[in-house]
C-alpha atoms as a PDB file:
ATOM      1  CA  MET A   1     152.968 -10.774 146.959  1.00  0.00           C
ATOM      2  CA  GLY A   2     152.619  -7.972 144.483  1.00  0.00           C
ATOM      3  CA  ILE A   3     150.090  -5.286 145.357  1.00  0.00           C
ATOM      4  CA  GLY A   4     149.373  -6.677 148.822  1.00  0.00           C
ATOM      5  CA  ALA A   5     153.012  -6.657 149.878  1.00  0.00           C
ATOM      6  CA  GLU A   6     153.501  -3.099 148.638  1.00  0.00           C
ATOM      7  CA  VAL A   7     150.400  -1.925 150.503  1.00  0.00           C
ATOM      8  CA  CYS A   8     151.837  -3.497 153.658  1.00  0.00           C
ATOM      9  CA  ARG A   9     155.053  -1.542 153.162  1.00  0.00           C
ATOM     10  CA  ARG A  10     153.198   1.737 152.635  1.00  0.00           C
ATOM     11  CA  LEU A  11     151.004   1.200 155.693  1.00  0.00           C
ATOM     12  CA  ALA A  12     154.030   0.360 157.813  1.00  0.00           C
ATOM     13  CA  ALA A  13     155.839   3.484 156.615  1.00  0.00           C
ATOM     14  CA  ALA A  14     152.778   5.525 157.623  1.00  0.00           C
ATOM     15  CA  GLY A  15     153.015   4.196 161.170  1.00  0.00           C
ATOM     16  CA  PHE A  16     150.345   1.515 161.182  1.00  0.00           C
ATOM     17  CA  ALA A  17     150.836  -1.763 163.009  1.00  0.00           C
ATOM     18  CA  VAL A  18     150.498  -4.142 160.083  1.00  0.00           C
ATOM     19  CA  VAL A  19     149.035  -7.640 160.118  1.00  0.00           C
ATOM     20  CA  VAL A  20     150.209  -9.440 156.985  1.00  0.00           C
ATOM     21  CA  ALA A  21     147.497 -12.029 156.398  1.00  0.00           C
ATOM     22  CA  ASP A  22     147.963 -14.814 153.861  1.00  0.00           C
ATOM     23  CA  ARG A  23     147.106 -18.441 153.284  1.00  0.00           C
ATOM     24  CA  ASP A  24     150.868 -18.979 152.996  1.00  0.00           C
ATOM     25  CA  GLU A  25     151.922 -18.080 156.535  1.00  0.00           C
ATOM     26  CA  THR A  26     155.609 -18.500 155.701  1.00  0.00           C
ATOM     27  CA  ALA A  27     155.363 -15.891 152.941  1.00  0.00           C
ATOM     28  CA  ALA A  28     153.417 -13.605 155.277  1.00  0.00           C
ATOM     29  CA  GLU A  29     156.101 -13.944 157.944  1.00  0.00           C
ATOM     30  CA  THR A  30     158.815 -13.146 155.402  1.00  0.00           C
ATOM     31  CA  THR A  31     157.067  -9.890 154.510  1.00  0.00           C
ATOM     32  CA  ALA A  32     156.413  -9.087 158.173  1.00  0.00           C
ATOM     33  CA  ALA A  33     160.052  -9.769 159.061  1.00  0.00           C
ATOM     34  CA  ASP A  34     161.203  -7.408 156.303  1.00  0.00           C
ATOM     35  CA  LEU A  35     158.952  -4.703 157.733  1.00  0.00           C
ATOM     36  CA  ARG A  36     160.209  -5.293 161.273  1.00  0.00           C
ATOM     37  CA  ALA A  37     163.786  -5.088 160.032  1.00  0.00           C
ATOM     38  CA  GLY A  38     162.966  -1.583 158.839  1.00  0.00           C
ATOM     39  CA  GLY A  39     161.675  -0.597 162.264  1.00  0.00           C
ATOM     40  CA  ALA A  40     157.968  -1.188 161.682  1.00  0.00           C
ATOM     41  CA  THR A  41     155.475  -3.079 163.814  1.00  0.00           C
ATOM     42  CA  ALA A  42     154.335  -6.066 161.792  1.00  0.00           C
ATOM     43  CA  GLU A  43     153.232  -9.644 162.276  1.00  0.00           C
ATOM     44  CA  ALA A  44     151.998 -12.549 160.178  1.00  0.00           C
ATOM     45  CA  GLN A  45     148.545 -14.086 160.356  1.00  0.00           C
ATOM     46  CA  ALA A  46     147.424 -17.280 158.654  1.00  0.00           C
ATOM     47  CA  ILE A  47     144.102 -16.934 156.857  1.00  0.00           C
ATOM     48  CA  ASP A  48     142.253 -18.594 153.996  1.00  0.00           C
ATOM     49  CA  VAL A  49     139.772 -15.915 152.964  1.00  0.00           C
ATOM     50  CA  GLY A  50     137.579 -18.410 151.119  1.00  0.00           C
ATOM     51  CA  VAL A  51     136.824 -20.351 154.315  1.00  0.00           C
ATOM     52  CA  ALA A  52     134.585 -18.682 156.895  1.00  0.00           C
ATOM     53  CA  GLU A  53     136.051 -20.626 159.811  1.00  0.00           C
ATOM     54  CA  SER A  54     139.562 -19.495 158.886  1.00  0.00           C
ATOM     55  CA  VAL A  55     138.447 -15.860 158.646  1.00  0.00           C
ATOM     56  CA  ASP A  56     136.694 -16.092 162.023  1.00  0.00           C
ATOM     57  CA  SER A  57     139.778 -17.607 163.627  1.00  0.00           C
ATOM     58  CA  ALA A  58     142.083 -14.961 162.158  1.00  0.00           C
ATOM     59  CA  PHE A  59     139.980 -12.015 163.288  1.00  0.00           C
ATOM     60  CA  ALA A  60     139.498 -13.535 166.733  1.00  0.00           C
ATOM     61  CA  ALA A  61     143.281 -13.712 167.035  1.00  0.00           C
ATOM     62  CA  ILE A  62     143.661 -10.111 165.824  1.00  0.00           C
ATOM     63  CA  GLU A  63     141.048  -8.942 168.320  1.00  0.00           C
ATOM     64  CA  GLN A  64     142.780 -10.800 171.133  1.00  0.00           C
ATOM     65  CA  ARG A  65     146.181  -9.334 170.296  1.00  0.00           C
ATOM     66  CA  HIS A  66     145.153  -5.779 169.391  1.00  0.00           C
ATOM     67  CA  GLY A  67     141.558  -5.236 170.462  1.00  0.00           C
ATOM     68  CA  ARG A  68     140.792  -3.298 167.290  1.00  0.00           C
ATOM     69  CA  CYS A  69     141.042  -3.105 163.512  1.00  0.00           C
ATOM     70  CA  ASP A  70     141.294   0.302 161.849  1.00  0.00           C
ATOM     71  CA  VAL A  71     142.133  -0.509 158.233  1.00  0.00           C
ATOM     72  CA  LEU A  72     141.386  -3.525 156.066  1.00  0.00           C
ATOM     73  CA  VAL A  73     142.766  -3.924 152.552  1.00  0.00           C
ATOM     74  CA  ASN A  74     141.314  -6.901 150.698  1.00  0.00           C
ATOM     75  CA  SER A  75     143.896  -7.843 148.107  1.00  0.00           C
ATOM     76  CA  ALA A  76     143.673 -11.644 147.985  1.00  0.00           C
ATOM     77  CA  GLY A  77     142.639 -12.783 144.535  1.00  0.00           C
ATOM     78  CA  ILE A  78     142.931 -15.637 142.074  1.00  0.00           C
ATOM     79  CA  ALA A  79     142.356 -15.946 138.341  1.00  0.00           C
ATOM     80  CA  LYS A  80     142.291 -18.617 135.666  1.00  0.00           C
ATOM     81  CA  VAL A  81     141.709 -18.170 131.940  1.00  0.00           C
ATOM     82  CA  HIS A  82     139.352 -20.476 130.029  1.00  0.00           C
ATOM     83  CA  PRO A  83     136.987 -19.902 127.083  1.00  0.00           C
ATOM     84  CA  PHE A  84     133.439 -19.198 128.258  1.00  0.00           C
ATOM     85  CA  LEU A  85     131.957 -22.301 126.622  1.00  0.00           C
ATOM     86  CA  GLU A  86     134.501 -24.535 128.357  1.00  0.00           C
ATOM     87  CA  PHE A  87     134.849 -22.645 131.640  1.00  0.00           C
ATOM     88  CA  PRO A  88     135.061 -25.250 134.452  1.00  0.00           C
ATOM     89  CA  ASP A  89     132.312 -25.113 137.051  1.00  0.00           C
ATOM     90  CA  ASP A  90     134.697 -25.775 139.901  1.00  0.00           C
ATOM     91  CA  ASN A  91     137.045 -22.966 138.906  1.00  0.00           C
ATOM     92  CA  PHE A  92     134.192 -20.502 138.652  1.00  0.00           C
ATOM     93  CA  ALA A  93     133.067 -21.503 142.151  1.00  0.00           C
ATOM     94  CA  VAL A  94     136.506 -21.244 143.754  1.00  0.00           C
ATOM     95  CA  THR A  95     137.207 -17.878 142.101  1.00  0.00           C
ATOM     96  CA  MET A  96     133.972 -16.485 143.502  1.00  0.00           C
ATOM     97  CA  ALA A  97     134.735 -18.042 146.904  1.00  0.00           C
ATOM     98  CA  VAL A  98     138.085 -16.290 147.178  1.00  0.00           C
ATOM     99  CA  ASN A  99     137.485 -13.016 145.342  1.00  0.00           C
ATOM    100  CA  VAL A 100     133.913 -12.288 146.451  1.00  0.00           C
ATOM    101  CA  ASN A 101     133.101 -14.387 149.504  1.00  0.00           C
ATOM    102  CA  GLY A 102     136.540 -13.675 150.934  1.00  0.00           C
ATOM    103  CA  THR A 103     136.047  -9.934 150.536  1.00  0.00           C
ATOM    104  CA  PHE A 104     132.641 -10.155 152.199  1.00  0.00           C
ATOM    105  CA  LEU A 105     133.842 -12.297 155.103  1.00  0.00           C
ATOM    106  CA  CYS A 106     136.925 -10.213 155.887  1.00  0.00           C
ATOM    107  CA  SER A 107     135.056  -6.928 155.509  1.00  0.00           C
ATOM    108  CA  GLN A 108     132.218  -7.959 157.780  1.00  0.00           C
ATOM    109  CA  ARG A 109     134.495  -9.279 160.515  1.00  0.00           C
ATOM    110  CA  ALA A 110     136.767  -6.220 160.319  1.00  0.00           C
ATOM    111  CA  ALA A 111     133.825  -3.804 160.303  1.00  0.00           C
ATOM    112  CA  ARG A 112     132.485  -5.339 163.510  1.00  0.00           C
ATOM    113  CA  LEU A 113     135.707  -4.225 165.183  1.00  0.00           C
ATOM    114  CA  MET A 114     135.810  -0.842 163.437  1.00  0.00           C
ATOM    115  CA  VAL A 115     132.345   0.306 164.476  1.00  0.00           C
ATOM    116  CA  ARG A 116     133.316   0.063 168.137  1.00  0.00           C
ATOM    117  CA  ASN A 117     135.533   3.118 167.649  1.00  0.00           C
ATOM    118  CA  HIS A 118     133.283   4.733 165.027  1.00  0.00           C
ATOM    119  CA  TRP A 119     136.225   4.828 162.589  1.00  0.00           C
ATOM    120  CA  GLY A 120     137.480   2.506 159.915  1.00  0.00           C
ATOM    121  CA  ARG A 121     138.677   2.190 156.346  1.00  0.00           C
ATOM    122  CA  ILE A 122     137.941  -0.739 154.045  1.00  0.00           C
ATOM    123  CA  VAL A 123     139.606  -0.800 150.638  1.00  0.00           C
ATOM    124  CA  ASN A 124     138.926  -3.603 148.189  1.00  0.00           C
ATOM    125  CA  ILE A 125     141.250  -4.339 145.289  1.00  0.00           C
ATOM    126  CA  ALA A 126     138.865  -4.738 142.353  1.00  0.00           C
ATOM    127  CA  SER A 127     139.911  -4.512 138.683  1.00  0.00           C
ATOM    128  CA  VAL A 128     139.040  -2.782 135.452  1.00  0.00           C
ATOM    129  CA  ALA A 129     137.946  -6.298 134.442  1.00  0.00           C
ATOM    130  CA  GLY A 130     134.993  -5.755 136.767  1.00  0.00           C
ATOM    131  CA  MET A 131     133.997  -2.607 134.859  1.00  0.00           C
ATOM    132  CA  ARG A 132     134.384  -3.820 131.287  1.00  0.00           C
ATOM    133  CA  ALA A 133     135.293  -7.093 129.603  1.00  0.00           C
ATOM    134  CA  VAL A 134     139.047  -7.447 129.244  1.00  0.00           C
ATOM    135  CA  GLY A 135     139.993  -9.975 126.622  1.00  0.00           C
ATOM    136  CA  THR A 136     138.540 -13.461 126.562  1.00  0.00           C
ATOM    137  CA  GLY A 137     138.655 -16.261 129.090  1.00  0.00           C
ATOM    138  CA  ARG A 138     138.054 -14.119 132.178  1.00  0.00           C
ATOM    139  CA  THR A 139     134.489 -15.199 132.913  1.00  0.00           C
ATOM    140  CA  ALA A 140     135.079 -15.883 136.595  1.00  0.00           C
ATOM    141  CA  TYR A 141     137.631 -13.170 137.278  1.00  0.00           C
ATOM    142  CA  GLY A 142     135.717 -10.341 135.617  1.00  0.00           C
ATOM    143  CA  THR A 143     132.434 -11.426 137.178  1.00  0.00           C
ATOM    144  CA  SER A 144     134.005 -11.687 140.628  1.00  0.00           C
ATOM    145  CA  LYS A 145     135.532  -8.212 140.417  1.00  0.00           C
ATOM    146  CA  GLY A 146     132.225  -6.741 139.249  1.00  0.00           C
ATOM    147  CA  ALA A 147     130.652  -8.311 142.334  1.00  0.00           C
ATOM    148  CA  VAL A 148     133.369  -6.814 144.546  1.00  0.00           C
ATOM    149  CA  ILE A 149     132.523  -3.358 143.190  1.00  0.00           C
ATOM    150  CA  ALA A 150     128.808  -3.871 143.930  1.00  0.00           C
ATOM    151  CA  LEU A 151     129.631  -5.203 147.398  1.00  0.00           C
ATOM    152  CA  THR A 152     131.780  -2.134 148.062  1.00  0.00           C
ATOM    153  CA  ARG A 153     128.854   0.178 147.314  1.00  0.00           C
ATOM    154  CA  GLN A 154     126.519  -1.768 149.587  1.00  0.00           C
ATOM    155  CA  MET A 155     128.991  -1.769 152.458  1.00  0.00           C
ATOM    156  CA  ALA A 156     129.598   1.952 152.036  1.00  0.00           C
ATOM    157  CA  VAL A 157     125.903   2.755 152.391  1.00  0.00           C
ATOM    158  CA  GLU A 158     125.371   0.558 155.430  1.00  0.00           C
ATOM    159  CA  LEU A 159     128.557   1.561 157.275  1.00  0.00           C
ATOM    160  CA  ALA A 160     128.644   5.306 156.566  1.00  0.00           C
ATOM    161  CA  GLU A 161     126.735   6.337 159.690  1.00  0.00           C
ATOM    162  CA  LYS A 162     128.998   4.121 161.767  1.00  0.00           C
ATOM    163  CA  GLY A 163     132.154   6.020 160.799  1.00  0.00           C
ATOM    164  CA  VAL A 164     133.476   3.399 158.391  1.00  0.00           C
ATOM    165  CA  THR A 165     134.206   4.062 154.727  1.00  0.00           C
ATOM    166  CA  ALA A 166     134.345   1.394 152.016  1.00  0.00           C
ATOM    167  CA  ASN A 167     135.981   2.008 148.661  1.00  0.00           C
ATOM    168  CA  ALA A 168     137.634   0.049 145.898  1.00  0.00           C
ATOM    169  CA  VAL A 169     140.676   0.521 143.708  1.00  0.00           C
ATOM    170  CA  ALA A 170     140.351  -0.887 140.192  1.00  0.00           C
ATOM    171  CA  PRO A 171     143.813  -1.464 138.767  1.00  0.00           C
ATOM    172  CA  GLY A 172     144.437  -1.764 135.091  1.00  0.00           C
ATOM    173  CA  PRO A 173     147.159  -4.238 134.188  1.00  0.00           C
ATOM    174  CA  VAL A 174     149.906  -4.206 136.793  1.00  0.00           C
ATOM    175  CA  ASP A 175     153.259  -5.924 136.636  1.00  0.00           C
ATOM    176  CA  THR A 176     152.829  -8.538 139.375  1.00  0.00           C
ATOM    177  CA  PRO A 177     153.712 -12.235 139.821  1.00  0.00           C
ATOM    178  CA  MET A 178     150.107 -13.146 138.891  1.00  0.00           C
ATOM    179  CA  THR A 179     150.017 -11.163 135.629  1.00  0.00           C
ATOM    180  CA  ARG A 180     153.426 -12.499 134.620  1.00  0.00           C
ATOM    181  CA  VAL A 181     151.871 -15.965 134.663  1.00  0.00           C
ATOM    182  CA  LEU A 182     148.389 -15.061 133.418  1.00  0.00           C
ATOM    183  CA  HIS A 183     149.251 -12.655 130.590  1.00  0.00           C
ATOM    184  CA  THR A 184     150.841 -14.057 127.461  1.00  0.00           C
ATOM    185  CA  ALA A 185     153.337 -11.928 125.559  1.00  0.00           C
ATOM    186  CA  GLN A 186     150.739 -11.275 122.838  1.00  0.00           C
ATOM    187  CA  PHE A 187     148.062 -10.298 125.367  1.00  0.00           C
ATOM    188  CA  ARG A 188     150.522  -7.990 127.100  1.00  0.00           C
ATOM    189  CA  ARG A 189     151.328  -6.198 123.830  1.00  0.00           C
ATOM    190  CA  GLU A 190     147.652  -5.785 122.974  1.00  0.00           C
ATOM    191  CA  TYR A 191     146.825  -4.556 126.459  1.00  0.00           C
ATOM    192  CA  GLU A 192     149.631  -1.994 126.382  1.00  0.00           C
ATOM    193  CA  ASN A 193     148.403  -0.763 122.991  1.00  0.00           C
ATOM    194  CA  ALA A 194     144.932  -0.205 124.488  1.00  0.00           C
ATOM    195  CA  ILE A 195     146.334   1.969 127.286  1.00  0.00           C
ATOM    196  CA  PRO A 196     147.018   5.635 126.430  1.00  0.00           C
ATOM    197  CA  MET A 197     150.125   5.541 128.637  1.00  0.00           C
ATOM    198  CA  ASN A 198     151.336   2.483 126.691  1.00  0.00           C
ATOM    199  CA  ARG A 199     152.509   0.520 129.723  1.00  0.00           C
ATOM    200  CA  TYR A 200     151.504  -1.591 132.671  1.00  0.00           C
ATOM    201  CA  GLY A 201     151.146   0.048 136.069  1.00  0.00           C
ATOM    202  CA  THR A 202     153.347  -0.582 139.062  1.00  0.00           C
ATOM    203  CA  VAL A 203     152.392  -1.949 142.456  1.00  0.00           C
ATOM    204  CA  GLY A 204     153.499   1.361 143.936  1.00  0.00           C
ATOM    205  CA  GLU A 205     150.973   3.274 141.859  1.00  0.00           C
ATOM    206  CA  ILE A 206     148.162   1.033 143.091  1.00  0.00           C
ATOM    207  CA  ALA A 207     149.336   1.212 146.698  1.00  0.00           C
ATOM    208  CA  ALA A 208     149.443   5.011 146.507  1.00  0.00           C
ATOM    209  CA  ALA A 209     145.733   5.054 145.630  1.00  0.00           C
ATOM    210  CA  VAL A 210     145.014   2.739 148.544  1.00  0.00           C
ATOM    211  CA  MET A 211     146.901   5.035 150.899  1.00  0.00           C
ATOM    212  CA  TYR A 212     144.750   7.987 149.882  1.00  0.00           C
ATOM    213  CA  LEU A 213     141.560   6.040 150.560  1.00  0.00           C
ATOM    214  CA  VAL A 214     142.706   4.976 154.044  1.00  0.00           C
ATOM    215  CA  SER A 215     143.791   8.501 154.980  1.00  0.00           C
ATOM    216  CA  GLU A 216     141.965  11.111 157.038  1.00  0.00           C
ATOM    217  CA  ASP A 217     141.813  13.243 153.883  1.00  0.00           C
ATOM    218  CA  ALA A 218     139.443  10.673 152.351  1.00  0.00           C
ATOM    219  CA  GLY A 219     136.981  10.836 155.220  1.00  0.00           C
ATOM    220  CA  PHE A 220     134.153  12.060 152.946  1.00  0.00           C
ATOM    221  CA  VAL A 221     134.901   9.506 150.212  1.00  0.00           C
ATOM    222  CA  THR A 222     132.941   6.271 150.347  1.00  0.00           C
ATOM    223  CA  GLY A 223     131.321   3.878 147.895  1.00  0.00           C
ATOM    224  CA  VAL A 224     133.629   4.806 145.011  1.00  0.00           C
ATOM    225  CA  THR A 225     135.703   2.646 142.705  1.00  0.00           C
ATOM    226  CA  LEU A 226     138.888   4.425 141.679  1.00  0.00           C
ATOM    227  CA  PRO A 227     140.407   3.192 138.402  1.00  0.00           C
ATOM    228  CA  VAL A 228     144.196   3.322 138.302  1.00  0.00           C
ATOM    229  CA  ASP A 229     144.653   2.232 134.726  1.00  0.00           C
ATOM    230  CA  GLY A 230     146.695   4.647 132.626  1.00  0.00           C
ATOM    231  CA  GLY A 231     143.539   5.818 130.854  1.00  0.00           C
ATOM    232  CA  PHE A 232     142.384   2.359 129.748  1.00  0.00           C
ATOM    233  CA  LEU A 233     138.726   2.815 130.693  1.00  0.00           C
ATOM    234  CA  ALA A 234     138.604   6.285 129.158  1.00  0.00           C
ATOM    235  CA  SER A 235     140.036   5.169 125.825  1.00  0.00           C
ATOM    236  CA  GLY A 236     138.304   3.961 122.693  1.00  0.00           C
ATOM    237  CA  ALA A 237     139.923   3.538 119.277  1.00  0.00           C
ATOM    238  CA  ARG A 238     143.484   4.791 119.255  1.00  0.00           C
ATOM    239  CA  GLY A 239     145.788   6.014 116.555  1.00  0.00           C
ATOM    240  CA  ILE A 240     145.171   8.154 113.489  1.00  0.00           C
END
């Protein structure tokens, strides 16, 4: 859904063979079928990024079918909002399992295929919530995205000599199915007021940043986190 689906569309339009990977294989197949209907090469792959065995199985299948992996975009993510003092242990653990462990597992397995050809692009979808606190209740989400940013830097350093870049995109608030559920009307108004552009971003604007980072033009760019946030991180007090 959301950012991930739009990235799939952009990659397909650029000529990549796209593997749409999702825990919901039916949803993945729907997206893949839409891409194929437009003339692209696309297929669905079942994967639960929070489970190592599922990640191993998925990448084994990709290797068997294609023999390579050139680009990985980690966009799977979950979020729940609870006050810090009442934040449930189990929700913290599952958020870290999906957002952080899942990024690690998929990146490592993909990179093992990339280094064979001495070329690869890994792009992780982080968040401005990993760079500063955004509201209350986001203990697990913000912490997990901060960890994704740190993981991106570490991967970039270790993979650079092997021809693989690793970068992250840190969206500000984006109008997606997840934010429509997670963001209350009041939170949305306050968030928009904190953004110099006075609006949420679009999935297309995030996907465009991803497409730059996977391009040949970004061959000397690695280890960076690119905010796409309408000026949110740059802004302090607003108004006169």
